[in-house]
N, C-alpha and C. Protein backbone atom coordinates (compact mmCIF):
# COMPACT_ATOMS: atom_id res chain seq x y z
N UNK A 1 90.70 83.40 108.10
CA UNK A 1 90.80 82.75 106.78
C UNK A 1 91.20 83.72 105.69
N UNK A 2 92.22 83.39 104.89
CA UNK A 2 92.62 84.24 103.81
C UNK A 2 92.26 83.61 102.50
N UNK A 3 91.54 84.37 101.68
CA UNK A 3 91.09 83.81 100.37
C UNK A 3 92.30 83.80 99.44
N UNK A 4 92.24 82.82 98.47
CA UNK A 4 93.31 82.68 97.55
C UNK A 4 92.83 83.29 96.18
N UNK A 5 93.49 84.40 95.82
CA UNK A 5 93.15 85.08 94.59
C UNK A 5 93.94 84.51 93.38
N UNK A 6 93.22 84.41 92.22
CA UNK A 6 93.84 83.92 90.99
C UNK A 6 93.81 85.04 89.97
N UNK A 7 94.95 85.19 89.24
CA UNK A 7 94.94 86.21 88.21
C UNK A 7 94.21 85.77 87.01
N UNK A 8 93.20 86.61 86.54
CA UNK A 8 92.40 86.26 85.33
C UNK A 8 92.68 87.19 84.20
N UNK A 9 93.39 88.32 84.44
CA UNK A 9 93.70 89.25 83.34
C UNK A 9 94.92 90.09 83.70
N UNK A 10 95.84 90.24 82.82
CA UNK A 10 97.11 90.88 83.12
C UNK A 10 97.46 91.87 82.01
N UNK A 11 97.90 93.09 82.43
CA UNK A 11 98.45 94.10 81.46
C UNK A 11 99.78 94.53 82.04
N UNK A 12 100.55 95.36 81.30
CA UNK A 12 101.78 95.91 81.86
C UNK A 12 101.57 96.83 83.06
N UNK A 13 100.34 97.32 83.23
CA UNK A 13 100.05 98.30 84.30
C UNK A 13 99.26 97.79 85.48
N UNK A 14 98.50 96.73 85.29
CA UNK A 14 97.66 96.20 86.37
C UNK A 14 97.27 94.74 86.07
N UNK A 15 96.78 94.05 87.11
CA UNK A 15 96.20 92.74 86.96
C UNK A 15 94.81 92.73 87.56
N UNK A 16 93.93 91.87 87.07
CA UNK A 16 92.66 91.61 87.71
C UNK A 16 92.68 90.23 88.32
N UNK A 17 92.39 90.07 89.56
CA UNK A 17 92.35 88.77 90.22
C UNK A 17 90.98 88.52 90.78
N UNK A 18 90.64 87.24 90.95
CA UNK A 18 89.37 86.80 91.49
C UNK A 18 89.55 85.78 92.54
N UNK A 19 88.56 85.72 93.37
CA UNK A 19 88.49 84.64 94.39
C UNK A 19 87.21 83.88 94.14
N UNK A 20 87.27 82.58 94.25
CA UNK A 20 86.11 81.74 93.99
C UNK A 20 84.99 81.96 95.04
N UNK A 21 83.77 81.84 94.66
CA UNK A 21 82.70 82.03 95.63
C UNK A 21 82.87 81.08 96.81
N UNK A 22 82.58 81.54 97.99
CA UNK A 22 82.70 80.75 99.22
C UNK A 22 84.03 80.83 99.86
N UNK A 23 85.09 81.29 99.11
CA UNK A 23 86.43 81.39 99.73
C UNK A 23 86.62 82.76 100.34
N UNK A 24 85.85 83.76 99.89
CA UNK A 24 86.01 85.12 100.43
C UNK A 24 85.33 85.18 101.80
N UNK A 25 85.97 85.79 102.79
CA UNK A 25 85.51 85.75 104.17
C UNK A 25 84.09 86.29 104.37
N UNK A 26 83.58 87.16 103.49
CA UNK A 26 82.24 87.66 103.66
C UNK A 26 81.18 86.61 103.36
N UNK A 27 81.61 85.51 102.74
CA UNK A 27 80.66 84.44 102.40
C UNK A 27 79.86 84.68 101.16
N UNK A 28 80.23 85.63 100.34
CA UNK A 28 79.49 85.93 99.10
C UNK A 28 79.42 84.70 98.22
N UNK A 29 78.36 84.57 97.46
CA UNK A 29 78.24 83.50 96.49
C UNK A 29 78.62 83.90 95.05
N UNK A 30 79.07 85.08 94.88
CA UNK A 30 79.47 85.63 93.59
C UNK A 30 81.02 85.74 93.59
N UNK A 31 81.61 85.60 92.40
CA UNK A 31 83.03 85.81 92.30
C UNK A 31 83.35 87.28 92.67
N UNK A 32 84.47 87.48 93.37
CA UNK A 32 84.89 88.82 93.67
C UNK A 32 86.16 89.19 93.00
N UNK A 33 86.19 90.35 92.33
CA UNK A 33 87.36 90.74 91.58
C UNK A 33 88.07 91.94 92.21
N UNK A 34 89.42 91.89 92.17
CA UNK A 34 90.24 92.98 92.66
C UNK A 34 91.22 93.40 91.65
N UNK A 35 91.65 94.67 91.71
CA UNK A 35 92.67 95.20 90.84
C UNK A 35 93.96 95.22 91.60
N UNK A 36 95.04 94.76 90.98
CA UNK A 36 96.42 94.75 91.57
C UNK A 36 97.22 95.62 90.69
N UNK A 37 97.85 96.67 91.33
CA UNK A 37 98.72 97.61 90.64
C UNK A 37 99.80 98.09 91.62
N UNK A 38 100.87 98.69 91.11
CA UNK A 38 101.87 99.21 91.96
C UNK A 38 101.35 100.40 92.80
N UNK A 39 102.02 100.61 93.93
CA UNK A 39 101.75 101.85 94.69
C UNK A 39 101.99 103.04 93.81
N UNK A 40 101.41 104.19 94.23
CA UNK A 40 101.54 105.41 93.43
C UNK A 40 101.92 106.61 94.25
N UNK A 41 102.12 107.71 93.44
CA UNK A 41 102.40 109.01 94.05
C UNK A 41 101.52 110.04 93.39
N UNK A 42 101.14 111.08 94.12
CA UNK A 42 100.36 112.18 93.73
C UNK A 42 101.06 113.47 94.20
N UNK A 43 101.26 114.43 93.29
CA UNK A 43 102.05 115.59 93.68
C UNK A 43 101.28 116.92 93.55
N UNK A 44 101.20 117.65 94.63
CA UNK A 44 100.69 119.01 94.63
C UNK A 44 101.95 119.87 94.53
N UNK A 45 102.16 120.43 93.33
CA UNK A 45 103.40 121.12 93.04
C UNK A 45 103.17 122.57 92.88
N UNK A 46 103.99 123.42 93.60
CA UNK A 46 103.95 124.84 93.50
C UNK A 46 105.29 125.36 92.91
N UNK A 47 105.18 126.31 91.97
CA UNK A 47 106.44 126.90 91.46
C UNK A 47 106.94 127.95 92.45
N UNK A 48 107.97 128.63 92.02
CA UNK A 48 108.64 129.58 92.94
C UNK A 48 107.74 130.81 93.22
N UNK A 49 106.79 131.03 92.37
CA UNK A 49 105.84 132.12 92.61
C UNK A 49 104.54 131.72 93.33
N UNK A 50 104.44 130.43 93.59
CA UNK A 50 103.27 129.95 94.32
C UNK A 50 102.16 129.45 93.42
N UNK A 51 102.34 129.38 92.10
CA UNK A 51 101.33 128.85 91.21
C UNK A 51 101.33 127.34 91.35
N UNK A 52 100.12 126.74 91.22
CA UNK A 52 100.04 125.26 91.23
C UNK A 52 100.24 124.77 89.81
N UNK A 53 100.98 123.66 89.71
CA UNK A 53 101.35 123.06 88.40
C UNK A 53 100.38 121.87 88.15
N UNK A 54 99.60 121.97 87.08
CA UNK A 54 98.66 120.94 86.67
C UNK A 54 98.92 120.49 85.27
N UNK A 55 98.47 119.30 84.93
CA UNK A 55 98.75 118.72 83.61
C UNK A 55 97.46 118.35 83.00
N UNK A 56 97.29 118.67 81.67
CA UNK A 56 96.14 118.27 80.89
C UNK A 56 96.37 116.79 80.50
N UNK A 57 95.35 115.89 80.80
CA UNK A 57 95.52 114.49 80.42
C UNK A 57 94.25 114.06 79.73
N UNK A 58 94.42 113.34 78.60
CA UNK A 58 93.27 112.75 77.97
C UNK A 58 92.92 111.44 78.64
N UNK A 59 91.70 111.26 79.11
CA UNK A 59 91.29 110.12 79.83
C UNK A 59 90.23 109.36 78.99
N UNK A 60 90.65 108.23 78.41
CA UNK A 60 89.66 107.49 77.55
C UNK A 60 88.36 107.10 78.25
N UNK A 61 88.37 106.67 79.55
CA UNK A 61 87.07 106.37 80.17
C UNK A 61 86.07 107.52 80.22
N UNK A 62 86.62 108.75 80.32
CA UNK A 62 85.75 109.96 80.31
C UNK A 62 85.54 110.52 78.89
N UNK A 63 86.38 110.17 77.96
CA UNK A 63 86.28 110.66 76.60
C UNK A 63 86.62 112.11 76.47
N UNK A 64 87.43 112.63 77.36
CA UNK A 64 87.80 114.04 77.32
C UNK A 64 89.09 114.30 78.12
N UNK A 65 89.52 115.54 77.98
CA UNK A 65 90.76 115.99 78.69
C UNK A 65 90.37 116.43 80.09
N UNK A 66 91.23 116.05 81.04
CA UNK A 66 91.06 116.53 82.42
C UNK A 66 92.27 117.34 82.82
N UNK A 67 92.18 118.06 83.88
CA UNK A 67 93.30 118.85 84.45
C UNK A 67 93.61 118.24 85.81
N UNK A 68 94.90 117.71 85.97
CA UNK A 68 95.20 116.89 87.12
C UNK A 68 96.55 117.31 87.70
N UNK A 69 96.72 116.93 88.95
CA UNK A 69 98.01 117.03 89.59
C UNK A 69 98.84 115.87 89.01
N UNK A 70 100.14 116.13 88.81
CA UNK A 70 101.01 115.00 88.36
C UNK A 70 100.91 113.81 89.27
N UNK A 71 100.88 112.59 88.67
CA UNK A 71 100.72 111.40 89.48
C UNK A 71 101.22 110.22 88.65
N UNK A 72 101.53 109.12 89.29
CA UNK A 72 101.94 107.88 88.61
C UNK A 72 102.35 106.79 89.57
N UNK A 73 102.83 105.76 88.97
CA UNK A 73 103.21 104.55 89.74
C UNK A 73 104.64 104.61 90.28
N UNK A 74 104.86 103.87 91.31
CA UNK A 74 106.21 103.69 91.87
C UNK A 74 106.82 102.47 91.20
N UNK A 75 107.94 102.64 90.52
CA UNK A 75 108.60 101.54 89.84
C UNK A 75 109.25 100.63 90.85
N UNK A 76 109.43 99.37 90.45
CA UNK A 76 110.15 98.41 91.34
C UNK A 76 111.47 98.91 91.76
N UNK A 77 111.78 98.83 93.06
CA UNK A 77 113.08 99.27 93.58
C UNK A 77 113.27 100.74 93.75
N UNK A 78 112.21 101.53 93.47
CA UNK A 78 112.32 102.95 93.53
C UNK A 78 111.79 103.47 94.86
N UNK A 79 112.44 104.49 95.45
CA UNK A 79 111.93 105.10 96.66
C UNK A 79 110.78 106.00 96.28
N UNK A 80 109.93 106.30 97.26
CA UNK A 80 108.81 107.24 96.98
C UNK A 80 109.27 108.62 96.45
N UNK A 81 110.31 109.16 97.07
CA UNK A 81 110.83 110.43 96.69
C UNK A 81 111.35 110.42 95.24
N UNK A 82 112.03 109.33 94.91
CA UNK A 82 112.52 109.19 93.53
C UNK A 82 111.36 109.11 92.58
N UNK A 83 110.36 108.36 92.96
CA UNK A 83 109.16 108.18 92.05
C UNK A 83 108.43 109.44 91.86
N UNK A 84 108.17 110.23 92.85
CA UNK A 84 107.40 111.48 92.69
C UNK A 84 108.21 112.50 91.90
N UNK A 85 109.51 112.55 92.11
CA UNK A 85 110.37 113.48 91.36
C UNK A 85 110.40 113.08 89.90
N UNK A 86 110.49 111.81 89.60
CA UNK A 86 110.56 111.28 88.26
C UNK A 86 109.19 111.58 87.54
N UNK A 87 108.08 111.27 88.19
CA UNK A 87 106.78 111.52 87.58
C UNK A 87 106.58 112.99 87.24
N UNK A 88 106.95 113.90 88.14
CA UNK A 88 106.77 115.32 87.85
C UNK A 88 107.73 115.76 86.77
N UNK A 89 108.92 115.26 86.70
CA UNK A 89 109.84 115.60 85.66
C UNK A 89 109.29 115.10 84.32
N UNK A 90 108.86 113.85 84.21
CA UNK A 90 108.34 113.29 82.98
C UNK A 90 107.14 114.04 82.50
N UNK A 91 106.21 114.40 83.37
CA UNK A 91 104.92 114.99 82.99
C UNK A 91 105.02 116.47 82.74
N UNK A 92 105.97 117.20 83.39
CA UNK A 92 106.01 118.65 83.40
C UNK A 92 107.30 119.23 82.94
N UNK A 93 108.40 118.43 83.01
CA UNK A 93 109.74 118.97 82.68
C UNK A 93 110.28 119.83 83.84
N UNK A 94 109.67 119.73 85.05
CA UNK A 94 110.10 120.54 86.18
C UNK A 94 110.76 119.67 87.25
N UNK A 95 111.58 120.35 88.02
CA UNK A 95 112.13 119.74 89.26
C UNK A 95 111.73 120.64 90.40
N UNK A 96 111.60 120.02 91.60
CA UNK A 96 111.24 120.77 92.83
C UNK A 96 112.47 120.90 93.73
N UNK A 97 112.57 122.02 94.39
CA UNK A 97 113.66 122.22 95.35
C UNK A 97 113.45 121.45 96.64
N UNK A 98 112.18 121.22 97.02
CA UNK A 98 111.92 120.55 98.27
C UNK A 98 110.66 119.65 98.08
N UNK A 99 110.79 118.46 98.66
CA UNK A 99 109.59 117.50 98.64
C UNK A 99 109.20 117.22 100.09
N UNK A 100 107.90 117.10 100.23
CA UNK A 100 107.35 116.80 101.58
C UNK A 100 106.27 115.74 101.46
N UNK A 101 106.51 114.57 102.07
CA UNK A 101 105.48 113.50 102.03
C UNK A 101 104.37 113.90 103.08
N UNK A 102 103.16 113.96 102.66
CA UNK A 102 102.05 114.42 103.54
C UNK A 102 101.40 113.15 104.13
N UNK A 103 100.97 112.26 103.31
CA UNK A 103 100.23 111.11 103.89
C UNK A 103 100.05 110.01 102.84
N UNK A 104 99.97 108.75 103.30
CA UNK A 104 99.53 107.70 102.38
C UNK A 104 98.00 107.72 102.31
N UNK A 105 97.46 107.25 101.17
CA UNK A 105 96.03 107.18 101.06
C UNK A 105 95.63 105.92 100.25
N UNK A 106 94.43 105.44 100.48
CA UNK A 106 93.89 104.34 99.74
C UNK A 106 92.60 104.86 99.06
N UNK A 107 92.53 104.70 97.79
CA UNK A 107 91.47 105.35 96.99
C UNK A 107 90.32 104.48 96.63
N UNK A 108 90.53 103.18 96.55
CA UNK A 108 89.44 102.23 96.12
C UNK A 108 89.48 101.00 96.99
N UNK A 109 89.06 101.12 98.21
CA UNK A 109 89.17 99.99 99.17
C UNK A 109 88.38 98.78 98.70
N UNK A 110 87.33 99.00 97.96
CA UNK A 110 86.51 97.85 97.57
C UNK A 110 87.07 97.08 96.45
N UNK A 111 88.13 97.58 95.74
CA UNK A 111 88.69 96.97 94.58
C UNK A 111 90.18 96.73 94.65
N UNK A 112 90.95 97.39 95.50
CA UNK A 112 92.38 97.25 95.47
C UNK A 112 93.04 97.45 96.83
N UNK A 113 94.16 96.82 97.01
CA UNK A 113 94.94 97.03 98.21
C UNK A 113 96.21 97.75 97.82
N UNK A 114 96.05 98.99 97.50
CA UNK A 114 97.10 99.86 96.99
C UNK A 114 97.27 101.16 97.77
N UNK A 115 98.48 101.57 98.07
CA UNK A 115 98.68 102.84 98.79
C UNK A 115 99.27 103.85 97.81
N UNK A 116 98.60 104.98 97.68
CA UNK A 116 99.12 106.09 96.96
C UNK A 116 99.65 107.14 97.97
N UNK A 117 100.70 107.77 97.66
CA UNK A 117 101.39 108.70 98.60
C UNK A 117 101.32 110.14 98.08
N UNK A 118 100.72 110.99 98.94
CA UNK A 118 100.51 112.41 98.59
C UNK A 118 101.69 113.25 98.98
N UNK A 119 102.28 113.98 98.05
CA UNK A 119 103.45 114.81 98.28
C UNK A 119 103.14 116.25 98.00
N UNK A 120 103.81 117.18 98.62
CA UNK A 120 103.87 118.58 98.28
C UNK A 120 105.25 118.89 97.73
N UNK A 121 105.34 119.44 96.56
CA UNK A 121 106.61 119.86 95.97
C UNK A 121 106.71 121.34 95.87
N UNK A 122 107.79 121.96 96.40
CA UNK A 122 107.89 123.42 96.44
C UNK A 122 109.10 123.83 95.58
N UNK A 123 108.99 125.04 95.06
CA UNK A 123 110.09 125.63 94.28
C UNK A 123 110.29 124.98 92.87
N UNK A 124 109.21 124.59 92.27
CA UNK A 124 109.31 123.95 90.98
C UNK A 124 109.88 124.92 89.91
N UNK A 125 110.81 124.37 89.11
CA UNK A 125 111.40 125.17 88.02
C UNK A 125 111.84 124.25 86.92
N UNK A 126 112.13 124.83 85.80
CA UNK A 126 112.46 123.98 84.60
C UNK A 126 113.79 123.23 84.85
N UNK A 127 113.76 121.95 84.44
CA UNK A 127 115.00 121.18 84.51
C UNK A 127 115.87 121.49 83.28
N UNK A 128 117.08 121.80 83.51
CA UNK A 128 118.00 122.19 82.38
C UNK A 128 118.26 121.01 81.47
N UNK A 129 118.05 121.20 80.16
CA UNK A 129 118.38 120.22 79.21
C UNK A 129 117.49 118.97 79.18
N UNK A 130 116.31 119.06 79.82
CA UNK A 130 115.43 117.87 79.85
C UNK A 130 114.34 117.99 78.80
N UNK A 131 114.17 116.94 78.08
CA UNK A 131 113.08 116.88 77.02
C UNK A 131 111.93 116.07 77.66
N UNK A 132 110.75 116.67 77.75
CA UNK A 132 109.65 115.99 78.28
C UNK A 132 109.22 114.76 77.46
N UNK A 133 108.81 113.71 78.13
CA UNK A 133 108.41 112.48 77.44
C UNK A 133 106.90 112.32 77.30
N UNK A 134 106.15 113.14 77.97
CA UNK A 134 104.69 113.04 77.91
C UNK A 134 104.10 114.27 77.22
N UNK A 135 102.92 114.04 76.69
CA UNK A 135 102.40 115.03 75.74
C UNK A 135 101.43 116.07 76.37
N UNK A 136 100.92 115.82 77.54
CA UNK A 136 99.96 116.72 78.10
C UNK A 136 100.48 118.14 78.29
N UNK A 137 99.58 119.10 78.08
CA UNK A 137 99.93 120.52 78.31
C UNK A 137 100.05 120.85 79.78
N UNK A 138 101.09 121.55 80.13
CA UNK A 138 101.34 121.93 81.52
C UNK A 138 100.69 123.31 81.77
N UNK A 139 99.96 123.44 82.86
CA UNK A 139 99.37 124.77 83.20
C UNK A 139 99.90 125.18 84.55
N UNK A 140 100.17 126.43 84.67
CA UNK A 140 100.51 127.10 85.94
C UNK A 140 99.34 127.98 86.30
N UNK A 141 98.58 127.50 87.33
CA UNK A 141 97.39 128.21 87.70
C UNK A 141 97.56 128.92 89.05
N UNK A 142 97.02 130.14 89.17
CA UNK A 142 96.90 130.68 90.57
C UNK A 142 96.11 129.67 91.39
N UNK A 143 96.50 129.48 92.63
CA UNK A 143 95.78 128.47 93.44
C UNK A 143 94.33 128.85 93.66
N UNK A 144 93.99 130.12 93.57
CA UNK A 144 92.57 130.56 93.68
C UNK A 144 91.80 129.97 92.49
N UNK A 145 92.41 129.80 91.35
CA UNK A 145 91.71 129.22 90.18
C UNK A 145 91.45 127.76 90.44
N UNK A 146 92.38 127.03 91.02
CA UNK A 146 92.14 125.61 91.29
C UNK A 146 91.02 125.55 92.30
N UNK A 147 90.99 126.41 93.31
CA UNK A 147 89.93 126.39 94.27
C UNK A 147 88.57 126.63 93.59
N UNK A 148 88.53 127.56 92.62
CA UNK A 148 87.28 127.81 91.85
C UNK A 148 86.86 126.57 91.13
N UNK A 149 87.80 125.86 90.53
CA UNK A 149 87.54 124.63 89.78
C UNK A 149 86.91 123.60 90.72
N UNK A 150 87.45 123.48 91.93
CA UNK A 150 86.95 122.52 92.95
C UNK A 150 85.52 122.93 93.32
N UNK A 151 85.36 124.20 93.61
CA UNK A 151 84.04 124.63 94.11
C UNK A 151 82.91 124.46 93.04
N UNK A 152 83.32 124.56 91.79
CA UNK A 152 82.33 124.49 90.71
C UNK A 152 82.24 123.05 90.17
N UNK A 153 82.86 122.11 90.82
CA UNK A 153 82.83 120.67 90.40
C UNK A 153 83.40 120.44 89.04
N UNK A 154 84.49 121.23 88.71
CA UNK A 154 85.18 121.05 87.43
C UNK A 154 86.56 120.49 87.57
N UNK A 155 86.87 120.02 88.75
CA UNK A 155 88.22 119.37 88.96
C UNK A 155 87.95 117.87 89.21
N UNK A 156 88.27 117.10 88.20
CA UNK A 156 87.91 115.62 88.23
C UNK A 156 88.70 114.82 89.21
N UNK A 157 89.92 115.17 89.46
CA UNK A 157 90.83 114.36 90.29
C UNK A 157 90.53 114.63 91.83
N UNK A 158 89.28 114.46 92.19
CA UNK A 158 88.88 114.82 93.49
C UNK A 158 89.55 113.95 94.60
N UNK A 159 89.92 112.79 94.28
CA UNK A 159 90.61 111.94 95.33
C UNK A 159 91.85 112.60 95.82
N UNK A 160 92.55 113.35 94.93
CA UNK A 160 93.77 114.02 95.27
C UNK A 160 93.54 115.13 96.27
N UNK A 161 92.29 115.63 96.32
CA UNK A 161 92.02 116.72 97.29
C UNK A 161 92.06 116.22 98.73
N UNK A 162 91.92 114.92 98.94
CA UNK A 162 92.04 114.39 100.30
C UNK A 162 93.44 114.72 100.90
N UNK A 163 94.44 114.74 100.05
CA UNK A 163 95.80 115.07 100.50
C UNK A 163 95.90 116.49 100.99
N UNK A 164 95.18 117.42 100.32
CA UNK A 164 95.14 118.79 100.77
C UNK A 164 94.44 118.90 102.14
N UNK A 165 93.42 118.15 102.30
CA UNK A 165 92.67 118.14 103.57
C UNK A 165 93.56 117.62 104.70
N UNK A 166 94.25 116.56 104.49
CA UNK A 166 95.16 115.97 105.47
C UNK A 166 96.28 116.97 105.80
N UNK A 167 96.82 117.64 104.81
CA UNK A 167 97.85 118.63 105.05
C UNK A 167 97.36 119.73 105.91
N UNK A 168 96.12 120.20 105.72
CA UNK A 168 95.58 121.26 106.54
C UNK A 168 95.39 120.81 108.01
N UNK A 169 94.95 119.55 108.19
CA UNK A 169 94.72 119.06 109.54
C UNK A 169 96.06 118.81 110.26
N UNK A 170 97.07 118.34 109.48
CA UNK A 170 98.36 118.07 110.11
C UNK A 170 99.13 119.35 110.48
N UNK A 171 99.13 120.29 109.54
CA UNK A 171 100.00 121.49 109.59
C UNK A 171 99.30 122.73 109.87
N UNK A 172 97.92 122.71 109.91
CA UNK A 172 97.18 123.93 110.18
C UNK A 172 97.32 124.96 109.05
N UNK A 173 97.47 124.52 107.83
CA UNK A 173 97.63 125.47 106.78
C UNK A 173 96.89 124.98 105.54
N UNK A 174 96.15 125.92 104.93
CA UNK A 174 95.38 125.59 103.67
C UNK A 174 96.30 125.87 102.47
N UNK A 175 96.68 124.82 101.83
CA UNK A 175 97.63 124.88 100.71
C UNK A 175 97.03 125.66 99.52
N UNK A 176 95.69 125.81 99.44
CA UNK A 176 95.10 126.54 98.29
C UNK A 176 94.98 128.04 98.56
N UNK A 177 95.05 128.45 99.86
CA UNK A 177 94.83 129.89 100.10
C UNK A 177 95.98 130.53 100.91
N UNK A 178 96.82 129.83 101.49
CA UNK A 178 97.89 130.40 102.40
C UNK A 178 98.93 131.04 101.53
N UNK A 179 99.58 132.04 102.16
CA UNK A 179 100.71 132.69 101.55
C UNK A 179 101.85 131.72 101.33
N UNK A 180 102.60 131.85 100.20
CA UNK A 180 103.65 130.88 99.91
C UNK A 180 104.71 130.81 101.04
N UNK A 181 105.06 131.94 101.60
CA UNK A 181 106.06 131.92 102.70
C UNK A 181 105.56 131.11 103.87
N UNK A 182 104.26 131.22 104.16
CA UNK A 182 103.68 130.43 105.29
C UNK A 182 103.69 128.92 104.97
N UNK A 183 103.45 128.59 103.73
CA UNK A 183 103.51 127.16 103.34
C UNK A 183 104.93 126.67 103.47
N UNK A 184 105.95 127.43 103.00
CA UNK A 184 107.34 126.98 103.10
C UNK A 184 107.72 126.86 104.56
N UNK A 185 107.26 127.75 105.41
CA UNK A 185 107.57 127.70 106.85
C UNK A 185 106.96 126.46 107.49
N UNK A 186 105.70 126.22 107.20
CA UNK A 186 105.00 125.08 107.78
C UNK A 186 105.62 123.77 107.33
N UNK A 187 105.99 123.68 106.04
CA UNK A 187 106.62 122.42 105.57
C UNK A 187 107.99 122.26 106.18
N UNK A 188 108.74 123.30 106.33
CA UNK A 188 110.07 123.22 106.92
C UNK A 188 110.00 122.76 108.39
N UNK A 189 108.98 123.31 109.09
CA UNK A 189 108.80 122.90 110.49
C UNK A 189 108.41 121.47 110.59
N UNK A 190 107.59 120.98 109.69
CA UNK A 190 107.10 119.60 109.69
C UNK A 190 108.29 118.64 109.44
N UNK A 191 109.27 119.13 108.76
CA UNK A 191 110.44 118.29 108.46
C UNK A 191 111.55 118.41 109.51
N UNK A 192 111.17 118.91 110.71
CA UNK A 192 112.16 119.01 111.76
C UNK A 192 113.04 120.20 111.63
N UNK A 193 112.52 121.26 110.93
CA UNK A 193 113.34 122.46 110.78
C UNK A 193 114.31 122.45 109.64
N UNK A 194 114.27 121.38 108.85
CA UNK A 194 115.17 121.28 107.69
C UNK A 194 114.38 121.45 106.39
N UNK A 195 114.39 122.64 105.78
CA UNK A 195 113.57 122.90 104.59
C UNK A 195 114.05 122.12 103.41
N UNK A 196 115.17 121.40 103.47
CA UNK A 196 115.62 120.61 102.38
C UNK A 196 115.01 119.26 102.29
N UNK A 197 114.21 118.86 103.24
CA UNK A 197 113.58 117.55 103.24
C UNK A 197 112.40 117.53 102.25
């Protein structure tokens, strides 16, 4: 049995839908609400020296600025690779020489049926003649500093860390501590020997 969801609230970025009590397969007697939004991309970006690229973002629900990996929605008709490159360019003014899709992930199974896609971008450098469209300050941190933020519970975008875990399990390399040359080699090997993937 498939429940029929009805839209009860709509914005340009997401919708909230509900299913009437008794229609949802679990048999709940309360209305059940879900969030509907486009698929997304999350980017772990390293520059040519191996620093991780993070963006300061003001988050109204938290009432403060956070430090995050670039991320955003996939636009209609856009490939995942185009979406992640666009988001990184808009948020940081950078382009990456190589992109590697690590894994899809679902972040809020109880509220949405959305897949976010975790990418590693290597060789980030400034895009010539590009004017950034977003206001957040871009930071280039040694990866050891990001690791310190994670260990001290000061990195709020913890869901993105799942992508780092998957990368380590798939490729046997810790993206926060490994030498940049080892990361480049592991990513090239994962792409079938073509470092341009």
